[in-house]
Amino acid sequence: MIAFLFPGQGSQAVGMGRALADAFPICRDTFAEADAALGAPLSRLIFEGPAEQLMLTEHTQPAILTVSVAAWRLLASRGLRPAFVAGHSLGEYSAHVAAGTFEFADAVRIVRNRGRYMQEAVPVGTGAMAAVLGLDEAGVRQACAQAAEGEVVSPANLNSPGQIVIAGTAAAVARAGEAARTLGARRVIALPVSAPFHCALMRPAEVRLAPELRALTVRDPEIPVVVNVDGAPRREGAAGIEALVQQVSAPVRWEDVMARLASEGVTAYVEVGPGTVLSGLAKKMARGATILNFESPDGLAGVEAVFAGQAS
C-alpha cells in the first residue's frame, strides 16, 4: 500500500519545479494556472527568485503548493494513485487538492491568504520557533510549562520521536530551550522562520482564515486525507475543512500521521514536491518501508517502479 506525502514550508528553493515544467506540459500548465489564479507571476518567482521574495510566507505557501500539485498531476496522469495522502502543515492543502476535496485555483488563493494572515498575526521578531532534539513530548511539554511565565510557548511540530519543534514568543521559546537542555535535550536549534506557526499566537490568523475555508466549494475526498491535528483520516470534505481551520493554531502531529499510515498497512511512501524533509522523517519512523521523493523528471521511473512492485 502506498501513501503520498506533501511537504510544507521550509522545503522551498529558487528553481524548484522548473525541470518538471520544462519537460511536461501538464506541469507547465499547473504553473500557468497558479499565475492566473493569483493574477501575479508566481511561476517566475519560483523559477528565478529572488530568494528573499520567495521566502516571504505569503509567497512561499502558494509556491510549494504549486510545485507539489504539478508533480502530483504528472503522477496522476500516469495512473499512479496512492491509497492515502497526507501533508505537513501547508502540505495538507496539497493533499486535499490531490484527493479532489477542492480545486487547485481555490487552494492557491487561500494559502496565499493563509501565509499573509499568519505573518500579520505576530509582528516580525516577537515570535520564534526552535527544534528540540533528543527529548520526548512529555519532557518538551514540561520545559514549555516551566518557561512560559505567562507567555505563549508550546510544541508546534511533533515530527518524529526526539524531534519536536516549539513555538511562541521569542523570550519564552529561549527560556523553554534552556529548560529543555536541563531536562536532557541533546540539542536546541533556533529556526529561521518569520512567524511562530502552530501555536496560540496564530489564533488571529485562524479567525481570519476560517470563514474563507468554510466558503470553499468542497467535495468528499476521493482518497482519505490523514490530517495533522489528530493523525486520523478524513473522508468527508466538511471534516477536512474543519481540520484545516484547527490546524492553523494547533500542533502538527506528524508522528501520529505516520503511525496511522503504518497501521493502515502503508509500506511505501512517496514525498511529492520539493525537498526531502518528509522522506528523511519517514526513514526514521517507517523502518523497512520503501521511501522516495519525487520533485524532478529523473524521479519518475522510481515512483513507477514502486507502483509496479506493489501490483505484482
C-alpha atoms as a PDB file:
ATOM      1  CA  MET A   1       0.000   0.000   0.000  1.00  0.00           C
ATOM      2  CA  ILE A   2       1.342   3.421  -0.999  1.00  0.00           C
ATOM      3  CA  ALA A   3       0.897   6.876   0.554  1.00  0.00           C
ATOM      4  CA  PHE A   4       1.821  10.233  -0.948  1.00  0.00           C
ATOM      5  CA  LEU A   5       3.261  12.836   1.439  1.00  0.00           C
ATOM      6  CA  PHE A   6       3.252  16.553   0.596  1.00  0.00           C
ATOM      7  CA  PRO A   7       5.870  18.925   2.069  1.00  0.00           C
ATOM      8  CA  GLY A   8       5.275  22.131   3.988  1.00  0.00           C
ATOM      9  CA  GLN A   9       7.065  25.420   4.444  1.00  0.00           C
ATOM     10  CA  GLY A  10      10.834  25.143   4.642  1.00  0.00           C
ATOM     11  CA  SER A  11      11.198  22.978   1.534  1.00  0.00           C
ATOM     12  CA  GLN A  12      11.269  25.937  -0.871  1.00  0.00           C
ATOM     13  CA  ALA A  13      14.198  26.756  -3.152  1.00  0.00           C
ATOM     14  CA  VAL A  14      14.544  29.015  -6.167  1.00  0.00           C
ATOM     15  CA  GLY A  15      14.260  26.878  -9.303  1.00  0.00           C
ATOM     16  CA  MET A  16      12.107  24.153  -7.737  1.00  0.00           C
ATOM     17  CA  GLY A  17       9.756  22.522 -10.226  1.00  0.00           C
ATOM     18  CA  ARG A  18      11.392  24.100 -13.274  1.00  0.00           C
ATOM     19  CA  ALA A  19      12.639  20.795 -14.682  1.00  0.00           C
ATOM     20  CA  LEU A  20       9.116  19.374 -14.436  1.00  0.00           C
ATOM     21  CA  ALA A  21       7.647  22.417 -16.175  1.00  0.00           C
ATOM     22  CA  ASP A  22      10.256  22.252 -18.931  1.00  0.00           C
ATOM     23  CA  ALA A  23       9.678  18.544 -19.541  1.00  0.00           C
ATOM     24  CA  PHE A  24       5.915  18.057 -19.159  1.00  0.00           C
ATOM     25  CA  PRO A  25       3.013  20.179 -20.453  1.00  0.00           C
ATOM     26  CA  ILE A  26       0.757  19.078 -17.568  1.00  0.00           C
ATOM     27  CA  CYS A  27       3.254  20.573 -15.101  1.00  0.00           C
ATOM     28  CA  ARG A  28       3.792  23.715 -17.190  1.00  0.00           C
ATOM     29  CA  ASP A  29       0.021  24.226 -17.297  1.00  0.00           C
ATOM     30  CA  THR A  30      -0.151  23.940 -13.498  1.00  0.00           C
ATOM     31  CA  PHE A  31       2.251  26.855 -13.059  1.00  0.00           C
ATOM     32  CA  ALA A  32       0.261  28.897 -15.590  1.00  0.00           C
ATOM     33  CA  GLU A  33      -2.945  28.097 -13.686  1.00  0.00           C
ATOM     34  CA  ALA A  34      -1.387  29.350 -10.454  1.00  0.00           C
ATOM     35  CA  ASP A  35      -0.318  32.602 -12.135  1.00  0.00           C
ATOM     36  CA  ALA A  36      -3.857  33.104 -13.438  1.00  0.00           C
ATOM     37  CA  ALA A  37      -5.462  32.318 -10.079  1.00  0.00           C
ATOM     38  CA  LEU A  38      -3.303  34.871  -8.277  1.00  0.00           C
ATOM     39  CA  GLY A  39      -3.152  37.460 -11.056  1.00  0.00           C
ATOM     40  CA  ALA A  40       0.602  37.536 -10.451  1.00  0.00           C
ATOM     41  CA  PRO A  41       3.712  35.871 -11.949  1.00  0.00           C
ATOM     42  CA  LEU A  42       4.234  33.305  -9.180  1.00  0.00           C
ATOM     43  CA  SER A  43       5.979  30.920 -11.574  1.00  0.00           C
ATOM     44  CA  ARG A  44       8.658  33.489 -12.401  1.00  0.00           C
ATOM     45  CA  LEU A  45       9.322  33.994  -8.683  1.00  0.00           C
ATOM     46  CA  ILE A  46       9.585  30.220  -8.189  1.00  0.00           C
ATOM     47  CA  PHE A  47      11.920  29.678 -11.127  1.00  0.00           C
ATOM     48  CA  GLU A  48      14.057  32.822 -10.932  1.00  0.00           C
ATOM     49  CA  GLY A  49      13.693  34.309  -7.431  1.00  0.00           C
ATOM     50  CA  PRO A  50      14.837  36.483  -5.808  1.00  0.00           C
ATOM     51  CA  ALA A  51      15.156  34.125  -2.852  1.00  0.00           C
ATOM     52  CA  GLU A  52      14.245  36.773  -0.276  1.00  0.00           C
ATOM     53  CA  GLN A  53      10.878  37.281  -2.002  1.00  0.00           C
ATOM     54  CA  LEU A  54      10.229  33.553  -2.269  1.00  0.00           C
ATOM     55  CA  MET A  55      10.962  33.244   1.461  1.00  0.00           C
ATOM     56  CA  LEU A  56       8.079  35.579   2.356  1.00  0.00           C
ATOM     57  CA  THR A  57       5.364  33.352   3.827  1.00  0.00           C
ATOM     58  CA  GLU A  58       2.576  34.622   1.567  1.00  0.00           C
ATOM     59  CA  HIS A  59       4.703  33.675  -1.456  1.00  0.00           C
ATOM     60  CA  THR A  60       6.262  30.508  -0.050  1.00  0.00           C
ATOM     61  CA  GLN A  61       2.961  28.812   0.660  1.00  0.00           C
ATOM     62  CA  PRO A  62       1.393  29.057  -2.832  1.00  0.00           C
ATOM     63  CA  ALA A  63       4.810  28.323  -4.370  1.00  0.00           C
ATOM     64  CA  ILE A  64       5.283  24.999  -2.577  1.00  0.00           C
ATOM     65  CA  LEU A  65       1.638  24.084  -3.195  1.00  0.00           C
ATOM     66  CA  THR A  66       2.055  24.738  -6.924  1.00  0.00           C
ATOM     67  CA  VAL A  67       5.219  22.667  -7.285  1.00  0.00           C
ATOM     68  CA  SER A  68       3.642  19.828  -5.293  1.00  0.00           C
ATOM     69  CA  VAL A  69       0.443  19.816  -7.351  1.00  0.00           C
ATOM     70  CA  ALA A  70       2.410  19.962 -10.613  1.00  0.00           C
ATOM     71  CA  ALA A  71       4.329  16.859  -9.505  1.00  0.00           C
ATOM     72  CA  TRP A  72       1.118  15.167  -8.333  1.00  0.00           C
ATOM     73  CA  ARG A  73      -0.685  15.845 -11.615  1.00  0.00           C
ATOM     74  CA  LEU A  74       2.110  14.230 -13.582  1.00  0.00           C
ATOM     75  CA  LEU A  75       1.971  11.118 -11.413  1.00  0.00           C
ATOM     76  CA  ALA A  76      -1.825  11.006 -11.632  1.00  0.00           C
ATOM     77  CA  SER A  77      -1.659  11.323 -15.431  1.00  0.00           C
ATOM     78  CA  ARG A  78       0.442   8.123 -15.395  1.00  0.00           C
ATOM     79  CA  GLY A  79      -2.249   6.327 -13.381  1.00  0.00           C
ATOM     80  CA  LEU A  80      -0.210   6.404 -10.152  1.00  0.00           C
ATOM     81  CA  ARG A  81      -2.817   6.709  -7.402  1.00  0.00           C
ATOM     82  CA  PRO A  82      -2.000   6.167  -3.712  1.00  0.00           C
ATOM     83  CA  ALA A  83      -4.216   4.625  -1.044  1.00  0.00           C
ATOM     84  CA  PHE A  84      -3.734   7.605   1.319  1.00  0.00           C
ATOM     85  CA  VAL A  85      -2.446  11.175   1.168  1.00  0.00           C
ATOM     86  CA  ALA A  86      -1.122  13.436   3.918  1.00  0.00           C
ATOM     87  CA  GLY A  87       0.746  16.714   4.085  1.00  0.00           C
ATOM     88  CA  HIS A  88       2.830  18.534   6.669  1.00  0.00           C
ATOM     89  CA  SER A  89       1.127  21.818   7.636  1.00  0.00           C
ATOM     90  CA  LEU A  90       0.765  23.673   4.317  1.00  0.00           C
ATOM     91  CA  GLY A  91       1.189  20.292   2.617  1.00  0.00           C
ATOM     92  CA  GLU A  92      -2.236  19.251   3.869  1.00  0.00           C
ATOM     93  CA  TYR A  93      -3.701  21.655   1.290  1.00  0.00           C
ATOM     94  CA  SER A  94      -1.708  19.922  -1.458  1.00  0.00           C
ATOM     95  CA  ALA A  95      -3.044  16.597  -0.155  1.00  0.00           C
ATOM     96  CA  HIS A  96      -6.626  17.841  -0.399  1.00  0.00           C
ATOM     97  CA  VAL A  97      -6.096  19.071  -3.963  1.00  0.00           C
ATOM     98  CA  ALA A  98      -4.706  15.635  -4.837  1.00  0.00           C
ATOM     99  CA  ALA A  99      -7.693  13.976  -3.149  1.00  0.00           C
ATOM    100  CA  GLY A 100     -10.154  16.205  -5.030  1.00  0.00           C
ATOM    101  CA  THR A 101     -11.576  17.942  -1.941  1.00  0.00           C
ATOM    102  CA  PHE A 102     -11.272  21.388  -3.537  1.00  0.00           C
ATOM    103  CA  GLU A 103      -9.912  22.972  -6.699  1.00  0.00           C
ATOM    104  CA  PHE A 104      -6.268  23.899  -7.163  1.00  0.00           C
ATOM    105  CA  ALA A 105      -7.043  27.525  -8.080  1.00  0.00           C
ATOM    106  CA  ASP A 106      -9.029  27.963  -4.864  1.00  0.00           C
ATOM    107  CA  ALA A 107      -6.211  26.367  -2.867  1.00  0.00           C
ATOM    108  CA  VAL A 108      -3.570  28.697  -4.355  1.00  0.00           C
ATOM    109  CA  ARG A 109      -5.582  31.767  -3.407  1.00  0.00           C
ATOM    110  CA  ILE A 110      -6.428  30.583   0.084  1.00  0.00           C
ATOM    111  CA  VAL A 111      -2.879  29.555   1.011  1.00  0.00           C
ATOM    112  CA  ARG A 112      -1.600  32.960  -0.103  1.00  0.00           C
ATOM    113  CA  ASN A 113      -4.070  34.458   2.360  1.00  0.00           C
ATOM    114  CA  ARG A 114      -3.108  31.863   4.966  1.00  0.00           C
ATOM    115  CA  GLY A 115       0.518  32.936   4.676  1.00  0.00           C
ATOM    116  CA  ARG A 116      -0.393  36.599   4.869  1.00  0.00           C
ATOM    117  CA  TYR A 117      -2.661  36.138   7.894  1.00  0.00           C
ATOM    118  CA  MET A 118      -0.046  34.060   9.720  1.00  0.00           C
ATOM    119  CA  GLN A 119       2.601  36.704   9.102  1.00  0.00           C
ATOM    120  CA  GLU A 120       0.330  39.527  10.216  1.00  0.00           C
ATOM    121  CA  ALA A 121      -0.774  37.709  13.395  1.00  0.00           C
ATOM    122  CA  VAL A 122       2.562  38.349  15.126  1.00  0.00           C
ATOM    123  CA  PRO A 123       4.914  41.292  14.496  1.00  0.00           C
ATOM    124  CA  VAL A 124       8.200  40.177  12.939  1.00  0.00           C
ATOM    125  CA  GLY A 125      10.787  39.461  15.621  1.00  0.00           C
ATOM    126  CA  THR A 126       8.381  38.959  18.519  1.00  0.00           C
ATOM    127  CA  GLY A 127       7.807  35.251  17.895  1.00  0.00           C
ATOM    128  CA  ALA A 128      10.203  32.352  17.420  1.00  0.00           C
ATOM    129  CA  MET A 129      10.473  28.619  16.809  1.00  0.00           C
ATOM    130  CA  ALA A 130      13.146  26.142  17.859  1.00  0.00           C
ATOM    131  CA  ALA A 131      13.764  22.451  17.267  1.00  0.00           C
ATOM    132  CA  VAL A 132      14.304  20.373  20.395  1.00  0.00           C
ATOM    133  CA  LEU A 133      16.255  17.183  19.699  1.00  0.00           C
ATOM    134  CA  GLY A 134      16.560  14.188  21.965  1.00  0.00           C
ATOM    135  CA  LEU A 135      13.695  14.900  24.373  1.00  0.00           C
ATOM    136  CA  ASP A 136      10.278  13.228  24.350  1.00  0.00           C
ATOM    137  CA  GLU A 137       6.928  15.011  24.184  1.00  0.00           C
ATOM    138  CA  ALA A 138       6.371  14.880  27.944  1.00  0.00           C
ATOM    139  CA  GLY A 139       9.771  16.466  28.549  1.00  0.00           C
ATOM    140  CA  VAL A 140       9.176  19.190  25.955  1.00  0.00           C
ATOM    141  CA  ARG A 141       5.778  19.993  27.441  1.00  0.00           C
ATOM    142  CA  GLN A 142       7.371  20.194  30.893  1.00  0.00           C
ATOM    143  CA  ALA A 143      10.050  22.567  29.579  1.00  0.00           C
ATOM    144  CA  CYS A 144       7.394  24.787  27.981  1.00  0.00           C
ATOM    145  CA  ALA A 145       5.300  24.847  31.150  1.00  0.00           C
ATOM    146  CA  GLN A 146       8.324  25.798  33.263  1.00  0.00           C
ATOM    147  CA  ALA A 147       9.373  28.525  30.844  1.00  0.00           C
ATOM    148  CA  ALA A 148       6.074  30.158  29.912  1.00  0.00           C
ATOM    149  CA  GLU A 149       5.904  32.768  32.709  1.00  0.00           C
ATOM    150  CA  GLY A 150       2.576  33.971  31.356  1.00  0.00           C
ATOM    151  CA  GLU A 151       3.744  33.963  27.739  1.00  0.00           C
ATOM    152  CA  VAL A 152       2.961  31.508  24.933  1.00  0.00           C
ATOM    153  CA  VAL A 153       5.309  28.591  24.236  1.00  0.00           C
ATOM    154  CA  SER A 154       4.206  25.093  23.254  1.00  0.00           C
ATOM    155  CA  PRO A 155       5.000  22.119  20.999  1.00  0.00           C
ATOM    156  CA  ALA A 156       4.226  23.111  17.403  1.00  0.00           C
ATOM    157  CA  ASN A 157       5.522  20.232  15.271  1.00  0.00           C
ATOM    158  CA  LEU A 158       5.762  16.740  16.717  1.00  0.00           C
ATOM    159  CA  ASN A 159       7.785  15.498  13.773  1.00  0.00           C
ATOM    160  CA  SER A 160       9.307  12.231  14.974  1.00  0.00           C
ATOM    161  CA  PRO A 161      10.485  10.639  18.208  1.00  0.00           C
ATOM    162  CA  GLY A 162      13.091  13.003  19.610  1.00  0.00           C
ATOM    163  CA  GLN A 163      12.408  15.817  17.129  1.00  0.00           C
ATOM    164  CA  ILE A 164       9.868  18.352  18.367  1.00  0.00           C
ATOM    165  CA  VAL A 165       9.611  21.997  17.317  1.00  0.00           C
ATOM    166  CA  ILE A 166       8.349  24.563  19.830  1.00  0.00           C
ATOM    167  CA  ALA A 167       6.796  27.949  19.050  1.00  0.00           C
ATOM    168  CA  GLY A 168       5.743  31.058  20.947  1.00  0.00           C
ATOM    169  CA  THR A 169       7.058  34.450  21.952  1.00  0.00           C
ATOM    170  CA  ALA A 170      10.789  34.812  21.374  1.00  0.00           C
ATOM    171  CA  ALA A 171      11.656  35.170  25.039  1.00  0.00           C
ATOM    172  CA  ALA A 172       9.551  32.195  26.122  1.00  0.00           C
ATOM    173  CA  VAL A 173      10.990  29.987  23.371  1.00  0.00           C
ATOM    174  CA  ALA A 174      14.510  30.902  24.506  1.00  0.00           C
ATOM    175  CA  ARG A 175      13.649  30.047  28.122  1.00  0.00           C
ATOM    176  CA  ALA A 176      11.994  26.770  27.079  1.00  0.00           C
ATOM    177  CA  GLY A 177      15.106  25.844  25.104  1.00  0.00           C
ATOM    178  CA  GLU A 178      17.240  26.280  28.200  1.00  0.00           C
ATOM    179  CA  ALA A 179      14.762  24.280  30.276  1.00  0.00           C
ATOM    180  CA  ALA A 180      14.779  21.516  27.656  1.00  0.00           C
ATOM    181  CA  ARG A 181      18.569  21.291  27.816  1.00  0.00           C
ATOM    182  CA  THR A 182      18.362  20.984  31.603  1.00  0.00           C
ATOM    183  CA  LEU A 183      15.825  18.171  31.178  1.00  0.00           C
ATOM    184  CA  GLY A 184      18.150  16.282  28.853  1.00  0.00           C
ATOM    185  CA  ALA A 185      17.619  17.561  25.332  1.00  0.00           C
ATOM    186  CA  ARG A 186      20.613  16.770  23.132  1.00  0.00           C
ATOM    187  CA  ARG A 187      20.371  19.999  21.107  1.00  0.00           C
ATOM    188  CA  VAL A 188      18.094  23.011  20.719  1.00  0.00           C
ATOM    189  CA  ILE A 189      18.270  24.754  17.348  1.00  0.00           C
ATOM    190  CA  ALA A 190      16.672  28.145  16.647  1.00  0.00           C
ATOM    191  CA  LEU A 191      14.800  28.030  13.333  1.00  0.00           C
ATOM    192  CA  PRO A 192      14.967  30.810  10.717  1.00  0.00           C
ATOM    193  CA  VAL A 193      11.223  31.449  10.448  1.00  0.00           C
ATOM    194  CA  SER A 194       9.266  34.660  10.071  1.00  0.00           C
ATOM    195  CA  ALA A 195       6.459  33.754  12.490  1.00  0.00           C
ATOM    196  CA  PRO A 196       5.699  31.279  15.326  1.00  0.00           C
ATOM    197  CA  PHE A 197       3.456  28.822  13.484  1.00  0.00           C
ATOM    198  CA  HIS A 198       1.064  26.284  15.042  1.00  0.00           C
ATOM    199  CA  CYS A 199       0.694  27.854  18.474  1.00  0.00           C
ATOM    200  CA  ALA A 200      -1.877  30.039  20.247  1.00  0.00           C
ATOM    201  CA  LEU A 201      -0.303  33.191  18.779  1.00  0.00           C
ATOM    202  CA  MET A 202      -1.780  32.103  15.432  1.00  0.00           C
ATOM    203  CA  ARG A 203      -5.394  32.319  16.648  1.00  0.00           C
ATOM    204  CA  PRO A 204      -5.960  35.706  14.929  1.00  0.00           C
ATOM    205  CA  ALA A 205      -4.917  34.077  11.644  1.00  0.00           C
ATOM    206  CA  GLU A 206      -7.256  31.153  12.316  1.00  0.00           C
ATOM    207  CA  VAL A 207     -10.183  33.533  12.905  1.00  0.00           C
ATOM    208  CA  ARG A 208      -9.487  35.344   9.611  1.00  0.00           C
ATOM    209  CA  LEU A 209      -8.960  32.189   7.577  1.00  0.00           C
ATOM    210  CA  ALA A 210     -11.873  30.116   8.928  1.00  0.00           C
ATOM    211  CA  PRO A 211     -14.718  31.836   7.009  1.00  0.00           C
ATOM    212  CA  GLU A 212     -12.749  31.666   3.762  1.00  0.00           C
ATOM    213  CA  LEU A 213     -12.098  27.945   4.216  1.00  0.00           C
ATOM    214  CA  ARG A 214     -15.728  27.273   5.078  1.00  0.00           C
ATOM    215  CA  ALA A 215     -16.865  29.192   1.988  1.00  0.00           C
ATOM    216  CA  LEU A 216     -14.889  26.931  -0.382  1.00  0.00           C
ATOM    217  CA  THR A 217     -16.749  24.607  -2.719  1.00  0.00           C
ATOM    218  CA  VAL A 218     -15.761  21.162  -1.452  1.00  0.00           C
ATOM    219  CA  ARG A 219     -16.380  17.527  -2.290  1.00  0.00           C
ATOM    220  CA  ASP A 220     -15.692  14.405  -0.298  1.00  0.00           C
ATOM    221  CA  PRO A 221     -12.083  13.398  -0.981  1.00  0.00           C
ATOM    222  CA  GLU A 222     -11.559  10.530  -3.393  1.00  0.00           C
ATOM    223  CA  ILE A 223      -8.539   9.424  -1.322  1.00  0.00           C
ATOM    224  CA  PRO A 224      -8.553   9.562   2.509  1.00  0.00           C
ATOM    225  CA  VAL A 225      -6.540  12.514   3.855  1.00  0.00           C
ATOM    226  CA  VAL A 226      -4.712  11.774   7.130  1.00  0.00           C
ATOM    227  CA  VAL A 227      -4.674  15.123   8.931  1.00  0.00           C
ATOM    228  CA  ASN A 228      -2.221  16.949  11.175  1.00  0.00           C
ATOM    229  CA  VAL A 229      -4.480  17.769  14.114  1.00  0.00           C
ATOM    230  CA  ASP A 230      -5.036  14.192  15.270  1.00  0.00           C
ATOM    231  CA  GLY A 231      -3.408  11.806  12.798  1.00  0.00           C
ATOM    232  CA  ALA A 232      -6.766  10.392  11.687  1.00  0.00           C
ATOM    233  CA  PRO A 233      -8.145  10.131   8.140  1.00  0.00           C
ATOM    234  CA  ARG A 234     -10.853  12.469   6.879  1.00  0.00           C
ATOM    235  CA  ARG A 235     -13.228  11.033   4.316  1.00  0.00           C
ATOM    236  CA  GLU A 236     -15.761  13.898   4.168  1.00  0.00           C
ATOM    237  CA  GLY A 237     -14.974  17.284   2.683  1.00  0.00           C
ATOM    238  CA  ALA A 238     -16.514  19.302   5.517  1.00  0.00           C
ATOM    239  CA  ALA A 239     -14.496  17.385   8.103  1.00  0.00           C
ATOM    240  CA  GLY A 240     -11.333  18.039   6.117  1.00  0.00           C
ATOM    241  CA  ILE A 241     -12.054  21.769   6.108  1.00  0.00           C
ATOM    242  CA  GLU A 242     -12.558  21.861   9.881  1.00  0.00           C
ATOM    243  CA  ALA A 243      -9.230  20.104  10.370  1.00  0.00           C
ATOM    244  CA  LEU A 244      -7.573  22.802   8.235  1.00  0.00           C
ATOM    245  CA  VAL A 245      -9.201  25.501  10.384  1.00  0.00           C
ATOM    246  CA  GLN A 246      -7.943  23.927  13.615  1.00  0.00           C
ATOM    247  CA  GLN A 247      -4.521  23.282  12.115  1.00  0.00           C
ATOM    248  CA  VAL A 248      -3.579  26.985  11.994  1.00  0.00           C
ATOM    249  CA  SER A 249      -3.002  27.228  15.745  1.00  0.00           C
ATOM    250  CA  ALA A 250      -2.818  23.521  16.685  1.00  0.00           C
ATOM    251  CA  PRO A 251       0.376  21.451  16.650  1.00  0.00           C
ATOM    252  CA  VAL A 252       1.276  19.344  13.622  1.00  0.00           C
ATOM    253  CA  ARG A 253       1.172  15.782  14.936  1.00  0.00           C
ATOM    254  CA  TRP A 254       3.271  14.284  12.161  1.00  0.00           C
ATOM    255  CA  GLU A 255       4.446  11.344  14.253  1.00  0.00           C
ATOM    256  CA  ASP A 256       0.777  10.391  14.706  1.00  0.00           C
ATOM    257  CA  VAL A 257       0.145  10.809  10.959  1.00  0.00           C
ATOM    258  CA  MET A 258       2.945   8.401  10.128  1.00  0.00           C
ATOM    259  CA  ALA A 259       1.863   5.931  12.808  1.00  0.00           C
ATOM    260  CA  ARG A 260      -1.681   5.912  11.413  1.00  0.00           C
ATOM    261  CA  LEU A 261      -0.472   5.336   7.851  1.00  0.00           C
ATOM    262  CA  ALA A 262       1.644   2.408   9.035  1.00  0.00           C
ATOM    263  CA  SER A 263      -1.311   0.968  10.967  1.00  0.00           C
ATOM    264  CA  GLU A 264      -3.414   1.165   7.800  1.00  0.00           C
ATOM    265  CA  GLY A 265      -0.884  -1.038   6.027  1.00  0.00           C
ATOM    266  CA  VAL A 266       1.188   1.523   4.135  1.00  0.00           C
ATOM    267  CA  THR A 267       4.568   0.081   3.160  1.00  0.00           C
ATOM    268  CA  ALA A 268       5.753   2.703   0.639  1.00  0.00           C
ATOM    269  CA  TYR A 269       5.908   6.491   0.966  1.00  0.00           C
ATOM    270  CA  VAL A 270       6.469   8.974  -1.842  1.00  0.00           C
ATOM    271  CA  GLU A 271       7.206  12.590  -0.936  1.00  0.00           C
ATOM    272  CA  VAL A 272       5.599  14.572  -3.768  1.00  0.00           C
ATOM    273  CA  GLY A 273       7.005  18.086  -4.161  1.00  0.00           C
ATOM    274  CA  PRO A 274      10.169  19.998  -3.334  1.00  0.00           C
ATOM    275  CA  GLY A 275      12.796  18.779  -0.893  1.00  0.00           C
ATOM    276  CA  THR A 276      13.339  15.652   1.170  1.00  0.00           C
ATOM    277  CA  VAL A 277      12.223  16.724   4.656  1.00  0.00           C
ATOM    278  CA  LEU A 278       9.370  14.220   4.902  1.00  0.00           C
ATOM    279  CA  SER A 279      11.406  11.440   3.288  1.00  0.00           C
ATOM    280  CA  GLY A 280      14.039  11.970   5.972  1.00  0.00           C
ATOM    281  CA  LEU A 281      11.470  11.800   8.756  1.00  0.00           C
ATOM    282  CA  ALA A 282       9.894   8.691   7.213  1.00  0.00           C
ATOM    283  CA  LYS A 283      13.246   6.910   7.221  1.00  0.00           C
ATOM    284  CA  LYS A 284      13.393   7.396  10.996  1.00  0.00           C
ATOM    285  CA  MET A 285       9.847   6.184  11.658  1.00  0.00           C
ATOM    286  CA  ALA A 286       8.932   3.696   8.912  1.00  0.00           C
ATOM    287  CA  ARG A 287      11.874   1.333   9.057  1.00  0.00           C
ATOM    288  CA  GLY A 288      11.694  -1.317   6.354  1.00  0.00           C
ATOM    289  CA  ALA A 289       9.342   0.746   4.200  1.00  0.00           C
ATOM    290  CA  THR A 290      10.136   1.920   0.689  1.00  0.00           C
ATOM    291  CA  ILE A 291      10.726   5.684   0.817  1.00  0.00           C
ATOM    292  CA  LEU A 292      11.472   8.071  -2.038  1.00  0.00           C
ATOM    293  CA  ASN A 293      10.800  11.612  -3.143  1.00  0.00           C
ATOM    294  CA  PHE A 294       9.554  12.974  -6.454  1.00  0.00           C
ATOM    295  CA  GLU A 295      10.375  16.525  -7.482  1.00  0.00           C
ATOM    296  CA  SER A 296      12.045  16.231 -10.891  1.00  0.00           C
ATOM    297  CA  PRO A 297      11.777  14.141 -14.085  1.00  0.00           C
ATOM    298  CA  ASP A 298      14.592  11.812 -13.071  1.00  0.00           C
ATOM    299  CA  GLY A 299      12.495  10.561 -10.140  1.00  0.00           C
ATOM    300  CA  LEU A 300       9.578   9.378 -12.273  1.00  0.00           C
ATOM    301  CA  ALA A 301      10.935   5.923 -13.076  1.00  0.00           C
ATOM    302  CA  GLY A 302      11.480   5.214  -9.398  1.00  0.00           C
ATOM    303  CA  VAL A 303       7.879   6.032  -8.491  1.00  0.00           C
ATOM    304  CA  GLU A 304       6.583   3.950 -11.394  1.00  0.00           C
ATOM    305  CA  ALA A 305       8.738   1.044 -10.220  1.00  0.00           C
ATOM    306  CA  VAL A 306       7.252   1.245  -6.702  1.00  0.00           C
ATOM    307  CA  PHE A 307       3.731   1.039  -8.103  1.00  0.00           C
ATOM    308  CA  ALA A 308       4.704  -1.809 -10.421  1.00  0.00           C
ATOM    309  CA  GLY A 309       6.198  -3.662  -7.473  1.00  0.00           C
ATOM    310  CA  GLN A 310       3.044  -3.224  -5.405  1.00  0.00           C
ATOM    311  CA  ALA A 311       0.900  -4.501  -8.285  1.00  0.00           C
ATOM    312  CA  SER A 312       2.988  -7.620  -8.897  1.00  0.00           C
END
